[in-house]
């Protein structure tokens, strides 16, 4: 995806509390919820047609960049986001500690 001179645009749909990446007729999504001063990145959905093309990483990178700009502390409640954060320490400043006991992902 990075070789495209016009990279895909990730849209922050605040009304639906999610980030969206449309590629053709397919849309990848990252849903979030507000958690007592933090933001839980709850679920990432990448349609089968977009898998292996970097859509998920593009989506998460844009969402974390937006979170940083907004001063959000992100709780990675989705394994894809957690794995991305482990592979990309440049976003360590955005990551919050894991959810407290009793707080579970939907």
N, C-alpha and C. Protein backbone atom coordinates (compact mmCIF):
# COMPACT_ATOMS: atom_id res chain seq x y z
N UNK A 1 0.81 -1.19 0.00
CA UNK A 1 0.00 0.00 0.00
C UNK A 1 0.86 1.26 0.00
N UNK A 2 2.06 1.19 0.52
CA UNK A 2 2.88 2.39 0.62
C UNK A 2 3.48 2.81 -0.72
N UNK A 3 3.41 1.96 -1.76
CA UNK A 3 3.96 2.33 -3.05
C UNK A 3 3.00 3.20 -3.86
N UNK A 4 1.78 3.31 -3.44
CA UNK A 4 0.78 4.12 -4.12
C UNK A 4 1.09 5.60 -3.87
N UNK A 5 1.17 6.42 -4.96
CA UNK A 5 1.45 7.84 -4.75
C UNK A 5 0.32 8.55 -4.01
N UNK A 6 -0.86 7.96 -3.99
CA UNK A 6 -2.01 8.51 -3.26
C UNK A 6 -2.48 7.46 -2.27
N UNK A 7 -1.84 7.41 -1.09
CA UNK A 7 -2.22 6.37 -0.13
C UNK A 7 -3.68 6.50 0.28
N UNK A 8 -4.29 5.38 0.68
CA UNK A 8 -5.68 5.42 1.09
C UNK A 8 -5.86 6.31 2.32
N UNK A 9 -7.03 6.90 2.41
CA UNK A 9 -7.34 7.81 3.51
C UNK A 9 -8.17 7.10 4.56
N UNK A 10 -7.73 7.20 5.79
CA UNK A 10 -8.50 6.67 6.91
C UNK A 10 -9.36 7.80 7.44
N UNK A 11 -10.64 7.52 7.58
CA UNK A 11 -11.62 8.49 8.06
C UNK A 11 -11.93 8.20 9.53
N UNK A 12 -11.91 9.25 10.37
CA UNK A 12 -12.32 9.11 11.77
C UNK A 12 -13.81 9.44 11.82
N UNK A 13 -14.63 8.44 12.01
CA UNK A 13 -16.07 8.60 12.11
C UNK A 13 -16.41 8.66 13.60
N UNK A 14 -16.29 9.86 14.17
CA UNK A 14 -16.48 10.05 15.62
C UNK A 14 -17.90 9.71 16.05
N UNK A 15 -18.89 9.97 15.21
CA UNK A 15 -20.28 9.66 15.56
C UNK A 15 -20.48 8.17 15.82
N UNK A 16 -19.76 7.34 15.08
CA UNK A 16 -19.89 5.89 15.24
C UNK A 16 -18.73 5.30 16.05
N UNK A 17 -17.87 6.16 16.57
CA UNK A 17 -16.70 5.77 17.36
C UNK A 17 -15.90 4.68 16.65
N UNK A 18 -15.44 5.03 15.45
CA UNK A 18 -14.62 4.10 14.70
C UNK A 18 -13.80 4.83 13.65
N UNK A 19 -12.77 4.14 13.20
CA UNK A 19 -11.95 4.59 12.08
C UNK A 19 -12.28 3.68 10.90
N UNK A 20 -12.31 4.27 9.69
CA UNK A 20 -12.73 3.52 8.51
C UNK A 20 -11.72 3.72 7.39
N UNK A 21 -11.42 2.63 6.68
CA UNK A 21 -10.54 2.67 5.52
C UNK A 21 -11.26 1.97 4.38
N UNK A 22 -11.71 2.74 3.39
CA UNK A 22 -12.41 2.18 2.24
C UNK A 22 -11.42 1.96 1.10
N UNK A 23 -11.42 0.76 0.59
CA UNK A 23 -10.61 0.41 -0.58
C UNK A 23 -11.53 -0.31 -1.55
N UNK A 24 -11.91 0.40 -2.61
CA UNK A 24 -12.88 -0.17 -3.54
C UNK A 24 -14.20 -0.32 -2.83
N UNK A 25 -14.78 -1.49 -2.96
CA UNK A 25 -16.08 -1.74 -2.33
C UNK A 25 -15.97 -2.27 -0.91
N UNK A 26 -14.76 -2.42 -0.40
CA UNK A 26 -14.53 -2.99 0.92
C UNK A 26 -14.12 -1.91 1.92
N UNK A 27 -14.52 -2.10 3.18
CA UNK A 27 -14.20 -1.14 4.24
C UNK A 27 -13.62 -1.89 5.44
N UNK A 28 -12.44 -1.47 5.86
CA UNK A 28 -11.83 -1.99 7.09
C UNK A 28 -12.22 -1.03 8.21
N UNK A 29 -12.43 -1.57 9.42
CA UNK A 29 -12.91 -0.77 10.54
C UNK A 29 -12.09 -1.02 11.79
N UNK A 30 -11.98 0.01 12.61
CA UNK A 30 -11.41 -0.12 13.96
C UNK A 30 -12.37 0.61 14.89
N UNK A 31 -13.05 -0.16 15.74
CA UNK A 31 -14.02 0.40 16.69
C UNK A 31 -13.34 0.75 18.00
N UNK A 32 -13.83 1.80 18.66
CA UNK A 32 -13.27 2.19 19.96
C UNK A 32 -14.38 2.62 20.91
N UNK A 33 -14.06 2.60 22.21
CA UNK A 33 -14.96 3.09 23.25
C UNK A 33 -14.14 3.89 24.25
N UNK A 34 -14.81 4.81 24.93
CA UNK A 34 -14.16 5.60 25.96
C UNK A 34 -14.24 4.85 27.28
N UNK A 35 -13.10 4.80 27.99
CA UNK A 35 -12.97 4.01 29.21
C UNK A 35 -12.35 4.84 30.32
N UNK A 36 -13.11 5.57 31.08
CA UNK A 36 -12.59 6.25 32.26
C UNK A 36 -11.26 6.95 32.01
N UNK A 37 -11.26 7.90 31.08
CA UNK A 37 -10.06 8.68 30.79
C UNK A 37 -9.12 8.05 29.77
N UNK A 38 -9.48 6.90 29.27
CA UNK A 38 -8.69 6.22 28.25
C UNK A 38 -9.61 5.84 27.10
N UNK A 39 -9.02 5.34 26.03
CA UNK A 39 -9.82 4.91 24.88
C UNK A 39 -9.44 3.47 24.56
N UNK A 40 -10.45 2.61 24.55
CA UNK A 40 -10.22 1.21 24.20
C UNK A 40 -10.35 1.01 22.71
N UNK A 41 -9.28 0.55 22.09
CA UNK A 41 -9.36 0.14 20.69
C UNK A 41 -9.83 -1.31 20.74
N UNK A 42 -11.14 -1.49 20.52
CA UNK A 42 -11.83 -2.74 20.84
C UNK A 42 -11.78 -3.82 19.78
N UNK A 43 -11.93 -3.43 18.53
CA UNK A 43 -12.09 -4.45 17.48
C UNK A 43 -11.62 -3.90 16.14
N UNK A 44 -10.84 -4.69 15.46
CA UNK A 44 -10.40 -4.35 14.11
C UNK A 44 -11.01 -5.38 13.17
N UNK A 45 -11.65 -4.90 12.10
CA UNK A 45 -12.24 -5.78 11.11
C UNK A 45 -11.65 -5.44 9.75
N UNK A 46 -10.98 -6.42 9.16
CA UNK A 46 -10.44 -6.26 7.81
C UNK A 46 -11.08 -7.33 6.95
N UNK A 47 -11.88 -6.94 5.94
CA UNK A 47 -12.51 -7.92 5.08
C UNK A 47 -11.46 -8.83 4.42
N UNK A 48 -11.85 -10.06 4.16
CA UNK A 48 -10.94 -11.04 3.54
C UNK A 48 -10.27 -10.49 2.29
N UNK A 49 -11.01 -9.73 1.49
CA UNK A 49 -10.47 -9.21 0.23
C UNK A 49 -9.32 -8.22 0.44
N UNK A 50 -9.21 -7.66 1.65
CA UNK A 50 -8.16 -6.68 1.93
C UNK A 50 -7.00 -7.26 2.75
N UNK A 51 -7.15 -8.48 3.22
CA UNK A 51 -6.10 -9.06 4.07
C UNK A 51 -4.83 -9.30 3.27
N UNK A 52 -3.71 -9.08 3.95
CA UNK A 52 -2.41 -9.27 3.31
C UNK A 52 -1.98 -8.11 2.44
N UNK A 53 -2.73 -7.03 2.45
CA UNK A 53 -2.42 -5.86 1.63
C UNK A 53 -2.03 -4.66 2.48
N UNK A 54 -1.91 -4.84 3.80
CA UNK A 54 -1.50 -3.76 4.68
C UNK A 54 -2.64 -2.86 5.15
N UNK A 55 -3.87 -3.24 4.85
CA UNK A 55 -5.01 -2.40 5.22
C UNK A 55 -5.13 -2.27 6.74
N UNK A 56 -4.97 -3.37 7.46
CA UNK A 56 -5.08 -3.32 8.92
C UNK A 56 -4.02 -2.44 9.53
N UNK A 57 -2.79 -2.57 9.07
CA UNK A 57 -1.70 -1.74 9.61
C UNK A 57 -1.91 -0.27 9.27
N UNK A 58 -2.37 0.01 8.06
CA UNK A 58 -2.66 1.39 7.67
C UNK A 58 -3.73 1.98 8.57
N UNK A 59 -4.76 1.21 8.84
CA UNK A 59 -5.87 1.64 9.69
C UNK A 59 -5.40 1.91 11.12
N UNK A 60 -4.66 0.98 11.71
CA UNK A 60 -4.21 1.13 13.09
C UNK A 60 -3.21 2.28 13.21
N UNK A 61 -2.30 2.39 12.26
CA UNK A 61 -1.32 3.49 12.30
C UNK A 61 -2.03 4.85 12.28
N UNK A 62 -3.03 5.00 11.42
CA UNK A 62 -3.77 6.27 11.35
C UNK A 62 -4.56 6.52 12.63
N UNK A 63 -5.16 5.46 13.18
CA UNK A 63 -5.93 5.61 14.41
C UNK A 63 -5.03 6.01 15.58
N UNK A 64 -3.85 5.40 15.68
CA UNK A 64 -2.93 5.76 16.76
C UNK A 64 -2.37 7.17 16.58
N UNK A 65 -2.16 7.57 15.34
CA UNK A 65 -1.69 8.93 15.07
C UNK A 65 -2.76 9.94 15.49
N UNK A 66 -4.00 9.64 15.19
CA UNK A 66 -5.12 10.50 15.61
C UNK A 66 -5.24 10.52 17.13
N UNK A 67 -5.08 9.36 17.75
CA UNK A 67 -5.14 9.28 19.21
C UNK A 67 -4.06 10.15 19.83
N UNK A 68 -2.87 10.10 19.29
CA UNK A 68 -1.77 10.93 19.79
C UNK A 68 -2.13 12.41 19.66
N UNK A 69 -2.67 12.81 18.52
CA UNK A 69 -3.02 14.21 18.29
C UNK A 69 -4.10 14.69 19.26
N UNK A 70 -4.99 13.78 19.66
CA UNK A 70 -6.08 14.12 20.59
C UNK A 70 -5.70 13.94 22.05
N UNK A 71 -4.49 13.43 22.30
CA UNK A 71 -4.06 13.21 23.67
C UNK A 71 -4.69 12.00 24.32
N UNK A 72 -5.19 11.07 23.50
CA UNK A 72 -5.80 9.86 24.03
C UNK A 72 -4.73 8.87 24.50
N UNK A 73 -5.05 8.15 25.56
CA UNK A 73 -4.24 7.00 26.00
C UNK A 73 -5.03 5.77 25.57
N UNK A 74 -4.43 4.95 24.74
CA UNK A 74 -5.12 3.83 24.10
C UNK A 74 -4.88 2.52 24.85
N UNK A 75 -5.98 1.83 25.14
CA UNK A 75 -5.93 0.49 25.71
C UNK A 75 -6.16 -0.48 24.54
N UNK A 76 -5.17 -1.29 24.20
CA UNK A 76 -5.33 -2.22 23.08
C UNK A 76 -6.15 -3.44 23.49
N UNK A 77 -7.45 -3.37 23.26
CA UNK A 77 -8.36 -4.45 23.64
C UNK A 77 -8.57 -5.43 22.49
N UNK A 78 -7.90 -5.20 21.40
CA UNK A 78 -7.97 -6.03 20.20
C UNK A 78 -6.57 -6.60 19.97
N UNK A 79 -6.47 -7.88 19.68
CA UNK A 79 -5.16 -8.51 19.53
C UNK A 79 -4.37 -7.91 18.36
N UNK A 80 -5.05 -7.49 17.31
CA UNK A 80 -4.34 -6.90 16.18
C UNK A 80 -3.67 -5.60 16.61
N UNK A 81 -4.37 -4.77 17.36
CA UNK A 81 -3.81 -3.50 17.84
C UNK A 81 -2.67 -3.78 18.82
N UNK A 82 -2.86 -4.73 19.72
CA UNK A 82 -1.80 -5.08 20.68
C UNK A 82 -0.54 -5.55 19.95
N UNK A 83 -0.70 -6.41 18.96
CA UNK A 83 0.45 -6.89 18.18
C UNK A 83 1.12 -5.74 17.43
N UNK A 84 0.31 -4.84 16.86
CA UNK A 84 0.86 -3.69 16.14
C UNK A 84 1.72 -2.84 17.08
N UNK A 85 1.20 -2.59 18.27
CA UNK A 85 1.95 -1.78 19.25
C UNK A 85 3.27 -2.45 19.64
N UNK A 86 3.28 -3.76 19.75
CA UNK A 86 4.52 -4.47 20.08
C UNK A 86 5.55 -4.34 18.95
N UNK A 87 5.08 -4.33 17.71
CA UNK A 87 5.98 -4.23 16.56
C UNK A 87 6.39 -2.80 16.24
N UNK A 88 5.69 -1.82 16.81
CA UNK A 88 5.94 -0.41 16.49
C UNK A 88 6.11 0.41 17.77
N UNK A 89 7.30 0.35 18.37
CA UNK A 89 7.53 1.06 19.63
C UNK A 89 7.43 2.58 19.50
N UNK A 90 7.39 3.09 18.29
CA UNK A 90 7.24 4.54 18.12
C UNK A 90 5.87 5.03 18.61
N UNK A 91 4.96 4.11 18.87
CA UNK A 91 3.65 4.48 19.40
C UNK A 91 3.51 4.17 20.89
N UNK A 92 4.61 3.84 21.55
CA UNK A 92 4.56 3.49 22.98
C UNK A 92 3.98 4.62 23.83
N UNK A 93 4.19 5.87 23.41
CA UNK A 93 3.69 7.01 24.18
C UNK A 93 2.17 7.10 24.18
N UNK A 94 1.51 6.43 23.24
CA UNK A 94 0.05 6.47 23.12
C UNK A 94 -0.59 5.33 23.92
N UNK A 95 0.13 4.25 24.11
CA UNK A 95 -0.43 3.06 24.73
C UNK A 95 -0.61 3.24 26.23
N UNK A 96 -1.77 2.83 26.71
CA UNK A 96 -2.06 2.84 28.15
C UNK A 96 -1.88 1.42 28.67
N UNK A 97 -1.91 1.29 29.97
CA UNK A 97 -1.86 -0.04 30.57
C UNK A 97 -3.09 -0.82 30.16
N UNK A 98 -3.02 -2.10 30.31
CA UNK A 98 -4.16 -2.98 30.00
C UNK A 98 -5.36 -2.60 30.86
N UNK A 99 -6.51 -3.06 30.47
CA UNK A 99 -7.75 -2.77 31.18
C UNK A 99 -7.66 -3.26 32.63
N UNK A 100 -8.21 -2.49 33.57
CA UNK A 100 -8.26 -2.96 34.95
C UNK A 100 -9.11 -4.21 35.08
N UNK A 101 -8.94 -4.97 36.16
CA UNK A 101 -9.77 -6.16 36.37
C UNK A 101 -11.24 -5.79 36.30
N UNK A 102 -12.02 -6.66 35.69
CA UNK A 102 -13.45 -6.42 35.58
C UNK A 102 -13.85 -5.67 34.32
N UNK A 103 -12.88 -5.06 33.63
CA UNK A 103 -13.17 -4.34 32.40
C UNK A 103 -12.78 -5.24 31.25
N UNK A 104 -13.76 -5.73 30.52
CA UNK A 104 -13.48 -6.67 29.45
C UNK A 104 -13.93 -6.10 28.12
N UNK A 105 -13.34 -6.61 27.08
CA UNK A 105 -13.72 -6.18 25.74
C UNK A 105 -15.11 -6.70 25.43
N UNK A 106 -15.86 -5.95 24.61
CA UNK A 106 -17.22 -6.40 24.27
C UNK A 106 -17.19 -7.66 23.43
